[in-house]
Protein backbone atom coordinates (compact mmCIF):
# COMPACT_ATOMS: atom_id res chain seq x y z
CA UNK A 1 0.00 0.00 0.00
CA UNK A 2 2.63 2.50 1.02
CA UNK A 3 0.18 5.18 2.14
CA UNK A 4 0.76 7.41 5.14
CA UNK A 5 -1.31 6.13 8.04
CA UNK A 6 -2.68 8.43 10.72
CA UNK A 7 -0.91 8.60 14.06
CA UNK A 8 -2.63 6.72 16.86
CA UNK A 9 -2.85 8.65 20.10
CA UNK A 10 -3.93 6.48 23.01
CA UNK A 11 -5.05 8.00 26.29
CA UNK A 12 -4.33 4.87 28.34
CA UNK A 13 -1.45 2.45 27.74
CA UNK A 14 -3.31 -0.24 29.71
CA UNK A 15 -6.13 -0.38 27.18
CA UNK A 16 -5.74 -2.69 24.17
CA UNK A 17 -5.51 -1.12 20.71
CA UNK A 18 -7.83 -2.65 18.10
CA UNK A 19 -7.63 -1.37 14.52
CA UNK A 20 -10.33 -2.19 11.98
CA UNK A 21 -8.67 -2.97 8.64
CA UNK A 22 -11.65 -4.60 6.89
CA UNK A 23 -14.83 -2.71 6.08
CA UNK A 24 -16.76 -5.44 4.24
CA UNK A 25 -19.15 -6.38 7.08
CA UNK A 26 -20.45 -3.77 9.53
CA UNK A 27 -22.58 -6.36 11.38
CA UNK A 28 -19.49 -8.51 12.03
CA UNK A 29 -17.62 -5.43 13.29
CA UNK A 30 -20.45 -4.66 15.72
CA UNK A 31 -20.21 -8.27 16.99
CA UNK A 32 -16.46 -7.82 17.58
CA UNK A 33 -17.02 -4.57 19.48
CA UNK A 34 -19.83 -6.12 21.56
CA UNK A 35 -17.63 -9.13 22.40
CA UNK A 36 -14.78 -6.85 23.48
CA UNK A 37 -17.16 -4.87 25.70
CA UNK A 38 -18.65 -8.05 27.24
CA UNK A 39 -15.17 -9.26 28.11
CA UNK A 40 -14.74 -6.45 30.64
CA UNK A 41 -18.29 -5.92 31.90
CA UNK A 42 -18.22 -5.12 35.59
CA UNK A 43 -14.45 -4.63 35.68
CA UNK A 44 -14.41 -0.92 34.86
CA UNK A 45 -16.55 2.07 35.72
CA UNK A 46 -15.78 3.92 32.48
CA UNK A 47 -16.65 3.37 28.87
CA UNK A 48 -13.34 3.04 27.01
CA UNK A 49 -12.15 -0.48 27.81
CA UNK A 50 -10.61 -0.76 24.34
CA UNK A 51 -9.06 1.86 22.09
CA UNK A 52 -10.87 1.25 18.80
CA UNK A 53 -9.56 2.73 15.57
CA UNK A 54 -12.32 2.82 12.98
CA UNK A 55 -10.96 4.98 10.20
CA UNK A 56 -11.24 3.98 6.54
CA UNK A 57 -7.67 5.13 5.96
CA UNK A 58 -6.74 1.81 7.62
CA UNK A 59 -8.85 -0.22 5.16
CA UNK A 60 -6.77 -3.01 3.61
CA UNK A 61 -3.69 -2.28 5.70
CA UNK A 62 -1.39 -5.29 6.03
CA UNK A 63 0.08 -6.60 9.25
CA UNK A 64 3.51 -5.18 8.36
CA UNK A 65 2.05 -1.73 7.69
CA UNK A 66 0.08 -1.82 10.95
CA UNK A 67 3.17 -2.88 12.91
CA UNK A 68 5.21 -0.05 11.38
CA UNK A 69 2.52 2.52 12.24
CA UNK A 70 1.77 1.18 15.74
CA UNK A 71 5.48 0.89 16.61
CA UNK A 72 5.60 4.69 16.86
CA UNK A 73 3.99 4.17 20.28
CA UNK A 74 6.95 2.98 22.35
CA UNK A 75 4.70 1.85 25.22
CA UNK A 76 2.69 -0.53 23.03
CA UNK A 77 3.65 -4.20 23.00
CA UNK A 78 0.86 -5.64 20.84
CA UNK A 79 -1.73 -4.37 18.35
CA UNK A 80 -4.91 -6.22 17.37
CA UNK A 81 -6.35 -6.06 13.85
CA UNK A 82 -9.96 -6.73 12.89
CA UNK A 83 -9.16 -7.95 9.40
CA UNK A 84 -10.90 -10.04 6.75
CA UNK A 85 -10.46 -13.28 8.70
CA UNK A 86 -12.02 -11.61 11.74
CA UNK A 87 -15.05 -10.53 9.73
CA UNK A 88 -15.56 -13.89 7.97
CA UNK A 89 -15.02 -16.28 10.87
CA UNK A 90 -17.86 -16.97 13.30
CA UNK A 91 -15.24 -16.89 16.11
CA UNK A 92 -14.28 -13.29 15.13
CA UNK A 93 -10.58 -13.89 16.00
CA UNK A 94 -8.50 -10.74 15.91
CA UNK A 95 -4.98 -10.80 14.54
CA UNK A 96 -2.54 -9.97 17.36
CA UNK A 97 0.78 -8.58 16.15
CA UNK A 98 3.82 -8.55 18.42
CA UNK A 99 5.49 -5.15 18.31
CA UNK A 100 8.51 -6.45 20.22
CA UNK A 101 9.38 -9.09 17.62
CA UNK A 102 12.20 -7.00 16.17
CA UNK A 103 13.89 -6.40 19.53
CA UNK A 104 16.68 -8.81 18.60
CA UNK A 105 17.91 -6.76 15.60
CA UNK A 106 20.84 -5.40 17.58
CA UNK A 107 22.00 -8.73 19.00
CA UNK A 108 25.64 -9.67 18.57
CA UNK A 109 25.64 -12.47 15.97
CA UNK A 110 28.64 -14.07 17.68
CA UNK A 111 26.60 -14.93 20.77
CA UNK A 112 23.01 -15.10 19.55
CA UNK A 113 23.14 -17.17 16.34
CA UNK A 114 20.13 -19.30 17.24
CA UNK A 115 17.89 -16.31 18.01
CA UNK A 116 18.94 -14.46 14.88
CA UNK A 117 18.38 -17.41 12.54
CA UNK A 118 15.16 -18.63 14.20
CA UNK A 119 12.92 -15.61 14.55
CA UNK A 120 10.02 -15.88 16.94
CA UNK A 121 6.48 -15.86 15.53
CA UNK A 122 5.00 -12.36 15.56
CA UNK A 123 1.32 -12.98 14.97
CA UNK A 124 -1.46 -15.07 16.46
CA UNK A 125 -5.25 -15.15 16.35
CA UNK A 126 -7.01 -14.10 19.57
CA UNK A 127 -10.70 -14.47 20.50
CA UNK A 128 -12.25 -11.12 21.45
CA UNK A 129 -12.81 -12.28 25.04
CA UNK A 130 -9.07 -12.96 25.42
CA UNK A 131 -7.79 -9.63 24.02
CA UNK A 132 -7.55 -7.98 27.45
CA UNK A 133 -5.76 -10.98 28.96
CA UNK A 134 -3.21 -11.12 26.11
CA UNK A 135 -2.65 -7.35 26.12
CA UNK A 136 -2.28 -7.12 29.91
CA UNK A 137 0.16 -10.01 30.15
CA UNK A 138 2.32 -8.64 27.34
CA UNK A 139 2.27 -5.09 28.76
CA UNK A 140 3.39 -6.42 32.15
CA UNK A 141 5.85 -8.87 30.54
CA UNK A 142 4.22 -11.72 32.49
CA UNK A 143 4.05 -13.87 29.37
CA UNK A 144 6.08 -13.78 26.17
CA UNK A 145 4.34 -13.63 22.80
CA UNK A 146 5.54 -17.13 21.73
CA UNK A 147 3.66 -18.61 24.70
CA UNK A 148 0.40 -17.29 23.26
CA UNK A 149 1.37 -18.75 19.89
CA UNK A 150 1.81 -22.13 21.63
CA UNK A 151 -1.61 -21.76 23.27
CA UNK A 152 -3.21 -21.08 19.89
CA UNK A 153 -1.43 -24.06 18.34
CA UNK A 154 -2.97 -26.27 21.03
CA UNK A 155 -6.49 -24.90 20.43
CA UNK A 156 -8.72 -26.80 17.98
CA UNK A 157 -9.40 -23.55 16.08
CA UNK A 158 -5.87 -22.13 16.34
CA UNK A 159 -7.04 -19.25 18.53
CA UNK A 160 -5.93 -17.92 21.93
CA UNK A 161 -8.92 -18.00 24.25
CA UNK A 162 -9.60 -16.66 27.74
CA UNK A 163 -8.81 -19.18 30.48
CA UNK A 164 -12.04 -20.46 32.00
CA UNK A 165 -12.26 -21.41 35.65
CA UNK A 166 -14.42 -24.44 36.34
CA UNK A 167 -16.39 -23.83 39.58
CA UNK A 168 -16.88 -26.91 41.69
CA UNK A 169 -14.37 -28.82 39.59
CA UNK A 170 -11.55 -30.89 41.04
CA UNK A 171 -9.56 -28.64 43.30
CA UNK A 172 -12.11 -25.84 42.65
CA UNK A 173 -10.53 -23.07 40.68
CA UNK A 174 -8.68 -25.29 38.22
CA UNK A 175 -8.88 -24.25 34.63
CA UNK A 176 -10.67 -26.08 31.87
CA UNK A 177 -8.46 -27.04 29.00
CA UNK A 178 -9.35 -28.79 25.79
CA UNK A 179 -6.10 -29.00 23.88
CA UNK A 180 -5.98 -30.76 20.52
CA UNK A 181 -2.54 -30.25 19.03
CA UNK A 182 -2.10 -30.49 15.29
CA UNK A 183 -5.62 -29.64 14.12
CA UNK A 184 -5.77 -26.83 11.55
CA UNK A 185 -7.56 -23.58 12.36
CA UNK A 186 -11.17 -23.33 11.17
CA UNK A 187 -11.35 -19.63 10.44
C-alpha atoms as a PDB file:
ATOM      1  CA  UNK A   1       0.000   0.000   0.000  1.00  0.00           C
ATOM      2  CA  UNK A   2       2.634   2.499   1.023  1.00  0.00           C
ATOM      3  CA  UNK A   3       0.182   5.177   2.142  1.00  0.00           C
ATOM      4  CA  UNK A   4       0.763   7.410   5.138  1.00  0.00           C
ATOM      5  CA  UNK A   5      -1.310   6.126   8.044  1.00  0.00           C
ATOM      6  CA  UNK A   6      -2.680   8.429  10.717  1.00  0.00           C
ATOM      7  CA  UNK A   7      -0.910   8.597  14.063  1.00  0.00           C
ATOM      8  CA  UNK A   8      -2.628   6.720  16.863  1.00  0.00           C
ATOM      9  CA  UNK A   9      -2.849   8.645  20.103  1.00  0.00           C
ATOM     10  CA  UNK A  10      -3.929   6.479  23.012  1.00  0.00           C
ATOM     11  CA  UNK A  11      -5.046   8.000  26.294  1.00  0.00           C
ATOM     12  CA  UNK A  12      -4.330   4.871  28.336  1.00  0.00           C
ATOM     13  CA  UNK A  13      -1.446   2.451  27.742  1.00  0.00           C
ATOM     14  CA  UNK A  14      -3.314  -0.237  29.711  1.00  0.00           C
ATOM     15  CA  UNK A  15      -6.133  -0.378  27.179  1.00  0.00           C
ATOM     16  CA  UNK A  16      -5.743  -2.693  24.171  1.00  0.00           C
ATOM     17  CA  UNK A  17      -5.509  -1.119  20.714  1.00  0.00           C
ATOM     18  CA  UNK A  18      -7.831  -2.651  18.096  1.00  0.00           C
ATOM     19  CA  UNK A  19      -7.626  -1.368  14.518  1.00  0.00           C
ATOM     20  CA  UNK A  20     -10.326  -2.186  11.983  1.00  0.00           C
ATOM     21  CA  UNK A  21      -8.674  -2.968   8.641  1.00  0.00           C
ATOM     22  CA  UNK A  22     -11.648  -4.598   6.893  1.00  0.00           C
ATOM     23  CA  UNK A  23     -14.834  -2.710   6.078  1.00  0.00           C
ATOM     24  CA  UNK A  24     -16.764  -5.438   4.242  1.00  0.00           C
ATOM     25  CA  UNK A  25     -19.146  -6.382   7.078  1.00  0.00           C
ATOM     26  CA  UNK A  26     -20.452  -3.770   9.532  1.00  0.00           C
ATOM     27  CA  UNK A  27     -22.577  -6.365  11.381  1.00  0.00           C
ATOM     28  CA  UNK A  28     -19.488  -8.508  12.030  1.00  0.00           C
ATOM     29  CA  UNK A  29     -17.615  -5.431  13.293  1.00  0.00           C
ATOM     30  CA  UNK A  30     -20.448  -4.664  15.717  1.00  0.00           C
ATOM     31  CA  UNK A  31     -20.208  -8.268  16.992  1.00  0.00           C
ATOM     32  CA  UNK A  32     -16.464  -7.825  17.585  1.00  0.00           C
ATOM     33  CA  UNK A  33     -17.019  -4.574  19.479  1.00  0.00           C
ATOM     34  CA  UNK A  34     -19.828  -6.123  21.556  1.00  0.00           C
ATOM     35  CA  UNK A  35     -17.626  -9.131  22.405  1.00  0.00           C
ATOM     36  CA  UNK A  36     -14.779  -6.847  23.479  1.00  0.00           C
ATOM     37  CA  UNK A  37     -17.161  -4.868  25.702  1.00  0.00           C
ATOM     38  CA  UNK A  38     -18.654  -8.049  27.239  1.00  0.00           C
ATOM     39  CA  UNK A  39     -15.168  -9.263  28.112  1.00  0.00           C
ATOM     40  CA  UNK A  40     -14.742  -6.449  30.638  1.00  0.00           C
ATOM     41  CA  UNK A  41     -18.291  -5.921  31.897  1.00  0.00           C
ATOM     42  CA  UNK A  42     -18.225  -5.124  35.586  1.00  0.00           C
ATOM     43  CA  UNK A  43     -14.453  -4.634  35.676  1.00  0.00           C
ATOM     44  CA  UNK A  44     -14.406  -0.923  34.864  1.00  0.00           C
ATOM     45  CA  UNK A  45     -16.545   2.066  35.716  1.00  0.00           C
ATOM     46  CA  UNK A  46     -15.783   3.925  32.482  1.00  0.00           C
ATOM     47  CA  UNK A  47     -16.649   3.366  28.867  1.00  0.00           C
ATOM     48  CA  UNK A  48     -13.338   3.044  27.008  1.00  0.00           C
ATOM     49  CA  UNK A  49     -12.150  -0.483  27.809  1.00  0.00           C
ATOM     50  CA  UNK A  50     -10.613  -0.764  24.337  1.00  0.00           C
ATOM     51  CA  UNK A  51      -9.059   1.859  22.095  1.00  0.00           C
ATOM     52  CA  UNK A  52     -10.874   1.253  18.796  1.00  0.00           C
ATOM     53  CA  UNK A  53      -9.559   2.728  15.566  1.00  0.00           C
ATOM     54  CA  UNK A  54     -12.318   2.816  12.983  1.00  0.00           C
ATOM     55  CA  UNK A  55     -10.960   4.982  10.201  1.00  0.00           C
ATOM     56  CA  UNK A  56     -11.245   3.980   6.540  1.00  0.00           C
ATOM     57  CA  UNK A  57      -7.670   5.131   5.956  1.00  0.00           C
ATOM     58  CA  UNK A  58      -6.743   1.814   7.617  1.00  0.00           C
ATOM     59  CA  UNK A  59      -8.852  -0.223   5.155  1.00  0.00           C
ATOM     60  CA  UNK A  60      -6.770  -3.007   3.609  1.00  0.00           C
ATOM     61  CA  UNK A  61      -3.686  -2.276   5.704  1.00  0.00           C
ATOM     62  CA  UNK A  62      -1.387  -5.287   6.029  1.00  0.00           C
ATOM     63  CA  UNK A  63       0.082  -6.597   9.253  1.00  0.00           C
ATOM     64  CA  UNK A  64       3.510  -5.179   8.356  1.00  0.00           C
ATOM     65  CA  UNK A  65       2.046  -1.730   7.695  1.00  0.00           C
ATOM     66  CA  UNK A  66       0.078  -1.818  10.954  1.00  0.00           C
ATOM     67  CA  UNK A  67       3.169  -2.876  12.913  1.00  0.00           C
ATOM     68  CA  UNK A  68       5.214  -0.051  11.383  1.00  0.00           C
ATOM     69  CA  UNK A  69       2.519   2.518  12.240  1.00  0.00           C
ATOM     70  CA  UNK A  70       1.775   1.183  15.738  1.00  0.00           C
ATOM     71  CA  UNK A  71       5.480   0.889  16.610  1.00  0.00           C
ATOM     72  CA  UNK A  72       5.601   4.686  16.860  1.00  0.00           C
ATOM     73  CA  UNK A  73       3.994   4.175  20.284  1.00  0.00           C
ATOM     74  CA  UNK A  74       6.949   2.976  22.351  1.00  0.00           C
ATOM     75  CA  UNK A  75       4.702   1.849  25.219  1.00  0.00           C
ATOM     76  CA  UNK A  76       2.687  -0.529  23.032  1.00  0.00           C
ATOM     77  CA  UNK A  77       3.649  -4.204  22.996  1.00  0.00           C
ATOM     78  CA  UNK A  78       0.858  -5.640  20.836  1.00  0.00           C
ATOM     79  CA  UNK A  79      -1.727  -4.374  18.354  1.00  0.00           C
ATOM     80  CA  UNK A  80      -4.910  -6.224  17.374  1.00  0.00           C
ATOM     81  CA  UNK A  81      -6.348  -6.058  13.850  1.00  0.00           C
ATOM     82  CA  UNK A  82      -9.955  -6.726  12.889  1.00  0.00           C
ATOM     83  CA  UNK A  83      -9.162  -7.953   9.396  1.00  0.00           C
ATOM     84  CA  UNK A  84     -10.903 -10.045   6.745  1.00  0.00           C
ATOM     85  CA  UNK A  85     -10.460 -13.279   8.696  1.00  0.00           C
ATOM     86  CA  UNK A  86     -12.019 -11.607  11.736  1.00  0.00           C
ATOM     87  CA  UNK A  87     -15.045 -10.528   9.730  1.00  0.00           C
ATOM     88  CA  UNK A  88     -15.556 -13.886   7.966  1.00  0.00           C
ATOM     89  CA  UNK A  89     -15.022 -16.275  10.872  1.00  0.00           C
ATOM     90  CA  UNK A  90     -17.857 -16.972  13.305  1.00  0.00           C
ATOM     91  CA  UNK A  91     -15.239 -16.887  16.106  1.00  0.00           C
ATOM     92  CA  UNK A  92     -14.281 -13.286  15.133  1.00  0.00           C
ATOM     93  CA  UNK A  93     -10.583 -13.894  16.001  1.00  0.00           C
ATOM     94  CA  UNK A  94      -8.504 -10.735  15.912  1.00  0.00           C
ATOM     95  CA  UNK A  95      -4.977 -10.798  14.537  1.00  0.00           C
ATOM     96  CA  UNK A  96      -2.535  -9.972  17.356  1.00  0.00           C
ATOM     97  CA  UNK A  97       0.779  -8.579  16.150  1.00  0.00           C
ATOM     98  CA  UNK A  98       3.822  -8.547  18.421  1.00  0.00           C
ATOM     99  CA  UNK A  99       5.490  -5.147  18.313  1.00  0.00           C
ATOM    100  CA  UNK A 100       8.512  -6.447  20.220  1.00  0.00           C
ATOM    101  CA  UNK A 101       9.381  -9.093  17.617  1.00  0.00           C
ATOM    102  CA  UNK A 102      12.199  -7.001  16.174  1.00  0.00           C
ATOM    103  CA  UNK A 103      13.889  -6.404  19.527  1.00  0.00           C
ATOM    104  CA  UNK A 104      16.679  -8.807  18.599  1.00  0.00           C
ATOM    105  CA  UNK A 105      17.905  -6.762  15.597  1.00  0.00           C
ATOM    106  CA  UNK A 106      20.845  -5.404  17.582  1.00  0.00           C
ATOM    107  CA  UNK A 107      22.002  -8.727  19.003  1.00  0.00           C
ATOM    108  CA  UNK A 108      25.641  -9.667  18.574  1.00  0.00           C
ATOM    109  CA  UNK A 109      25.645 -12.472  15.975  1.00  0.00           C
ATOM    110  CA  UNK A 110      28.644 -14.074  17.680  1.00  0.00           C
ATOM    111  CA  UNK A 111      26.605 -14.931  20.772  1.00  0.00           C
ATOM    112  CA  UNK A 112      23.007 -15.100  19.554  1.00  0.00           C
ATOM    113  CA  UNK A 113      23.136 -17.168  16.344  1.00  0.00           C
ATOM    114  CA  UNK A 114      20.125 -19.297  17.238  1.00  0.00           C
ATOM    115  CA  UNK A 115      17.888 -16.306  18.007  1.00  0.00           C
ATOM    116  CA  UNK A 116      18.943 -14.462  14.880  1.00  0.00           C
ATOM    117  CA  UNK A 117      18.379 -17.406  12.538  1.00  0.00           C
ATOM    118  CA  UNK A 118      15.162 -18.634  14.200  1.00  0.00           C
ATOM    119  CA  UNK A 119      12.923 -15.613  14.551  1.00  0.00           C
ATOM    120  CA  UNK A 120      10.016 -15.875  16.936  1.00  0.00           C
ATOM    121  CA  UNK A 121       6.477 -15.865  15.530  1.00  0.00           C
ATOM    122  CA  UNK A 122       5.000 -12.361  15.557  1.00  0.00           C
ATOM    123  CA  UNK A 123       1.323 -12.985  14.971  1.00  0.00           C
ATOM    124  CA  UNK A 124      -1.456 -15.072  16.457  1.00  0.00           C
ATOM    125  CA  UNK A 125      -5.255 -15.146  16.349  1.00  0.00           C
ATOM    126  CA  UNK A 126      -7.011 -14.103  19.571  1.00  0.00           C
ATOM    127  CA  UNK A 127     -10.699 -14.473  20.495  1.00  0.00           C
ATOM    128  CA  UNK A 128     -12.247 -11.122  21.451  1.00  0.00           C
ATOM    129  CA  UNK A 129     -12.814 -12.276  25.039  1.00  0.00           C
ATOM    130  CA  UNK A 130      -9.070 -12.957  25.420  1.00  0.00           C
ATOM    131  CA  UNK A 131      -7.787  -9.632  24.021  1.00  0.00           C
ATOM    132  CA  UNK A 132      -7.553  -7.980  27.449  1.00  0.00           C
ATOM    133  CA  UNK A 133      -5.760 -10.978  28.955  1.00  0.00           C
ATOM    134  CA  UNK A 134      -3.209 -11.123  26.112  1.00  0.00           C
ATOM    135  CA  UNK A 135      -2.646  -7.354  26.123  1.00  0.00           C
ATOM    136  CA  UNK A 136      -2.284  -7.123  29.914  1.00  0.00           C
ATOM    137  CA  UNK A 137       0.157 -10.010  30.149  1.00  0.00           C
ATOM    138  CA  UNK A 138       2.316  -8.640  27.342  1.00  0.00           C
ATOM    139  CA  UNK A 139       2.273  -5.095  28.755  1.00  0.00           C
ATOM    140  CA  UNK A 140       3.391  -6.417  32.146  1.00  0.00           C
ATOM    141  CA  UNK A 141       5.850  -8.869  30.545  1.00  0.00           C
ATOM    142  CA  UNK A 142       4.217 -11.716  32.492  1.00  0.00           C
ATOM    143  CA  UNK A 143       4.046 -13.866  29.367  1.00  0.00           C
ATOM    144  CA  UNK A 144       6.084 -13.784  26.172  1.00  0.00           C
ATOM    145  CA  UNK A 145       4.337 -13.635  22.802  1.00  0.00           C
ATOM    146  CA  UNK A 146       5.543 -17.130  21.733  1.00  0.00           C
ATOM    147  CA  UNK A 147       3.660 -18.613  24.700  1.00  0.00           C
ATOM    148  CA  UNK A 148       0.402 -17.286  23.265  1.00  0.00           C
ATOM    149  CA  UNK A 149       1.374 -18.747  19.891  1.00  0.00           C
ATOM    150  CA  UNK A 150       1.810 -22.131  21.625  1.00  0.00           C
ATOM    151  CA  UNK A 151      -1.613 -21.760  23.274  1.00  0.00           C
ATOM    152  CA  UNK A 152      -3.207 -21.080  19.894  1.00  0.00           C
ATOM    153  CA  UNK A 153      -1.427 -24.063  18.344  1.00  0.00           C
ATOM    154  CA  UNK A 154      -2.970 -26.273  21.027  1.00  0.00           C
ATOM    155  CA  UNK A 155      -6.487 -24.895  20.431  1.00  0.00           C
ATOM    156  CA  UNK A 156      -8.724 -26.797  17.982  1.00  0.00           C
ATOM    157  CA  UNK A 157      -9.400 -23.552  16.082  1.00  0.00           C
ATOM    158  CA  UNK A 158      -5.873 -22.134  16.340  1.00  0.00           C
ATOM    159  CA  UNK A 159      -7.039 -19.250  18.532  1.00  0.00           C
ATOM    160  CA  UNK A 160      -5.930 -17.923  21.932  1.00  0.00           C
ATOM    161  CA  UNK A 161      -8.925 -17.997  24.255  1.00  0.00           C
ATOM    162  CA  UNK A 162      -9.601 -16.658  27.739  1.00  0.00           C
ATOM    163  CA  UNK A 163      -8.810 -19.178  30.478  1.00  0.00           C
ATOM    164  CA  UNK A 164     -12.041 -20.456  31.995  1.00  0.00           C
ATOM    165  CA  UNK A 165     -12.263 -21.411  35.649  1.00  0.00           C
ATOM    166  CA  UNK A 166     -14.420 -24.441  36.340  1.00  0.00           C
ATOM    167  CA  UNK A 167     -16.386 -23.831  39.576  1.00  0.00           C
ATOM    168  CA  UNK A 168     -16.879 -26.910  41.692  1.00  0.00           C
ATOM    169  CA  UNK A 169     -14.372 -28.823  39.591  1.00  0.00           C
ATOM    170  CA  UNK A 170     -11.553 -30.892  41.042  1.00  0.00           C
ATOM    171  CA  UNK A 171      -9.564 -28.636  43.303  1.00  0.00           C
ATOM    172  CA  UNK A 172     -12.107 -25.838  42.648  1.00  0.00           C
ATOM    173  CA  UNK A 173     -10.535 -23.067  40.684  1.00  0.00           C
ATOM    174  CA  UNK A 174      -8.683 -25.287  38.223  1.00  0.00           C
ATOM    175  CA  UNK A 175      -8.884 -24.247  34.635  1.00  0.00           C
ATOM    176  CA  UNK A 176     -10.671 -26.075  31.867  1.00  0.00           C
ATOM    177  CA  UNK A 177      -8.463 -27.035  29.004  1.00  0.00           C
ATOM    178  CA  UNK A 178      -9.352 -28.790  25.787  1.00  0.00           C
ATOM    179  CA  UNK A 179      -6.104 -28.996  23.882  1.00  0.00           C
ATOM    180  CA  UNK A 180      -5.976 -30.758  20.523  1.00  0.00           C
ATOM    181  CA  UNK A 181      -2.538 -30.251  19.030  1.00  0.00           C
ATOM    182  CA  UNK A 182      -2.101 -30.490  15.294  1.00  0.00           C
ATOM    183  CA  UNK A 183      -5.619 -29.639  14.117  1.00  0.00           C
ATOM    184  CA  UNK A 184      -5.772 -26.833  11.548  1.00  0.00           C
ATOM    185  CA  UNK A 185      -7.561 -23.580  12.357  1.00  0.00           C
ATOM    186  CA  UNK A 186     -11.171 -23.330  11.166  1.00  0.00           C
ATOM    187  CA  UNK A 187     -11.354 -19.628  10.443  1.00  0.00           C
END
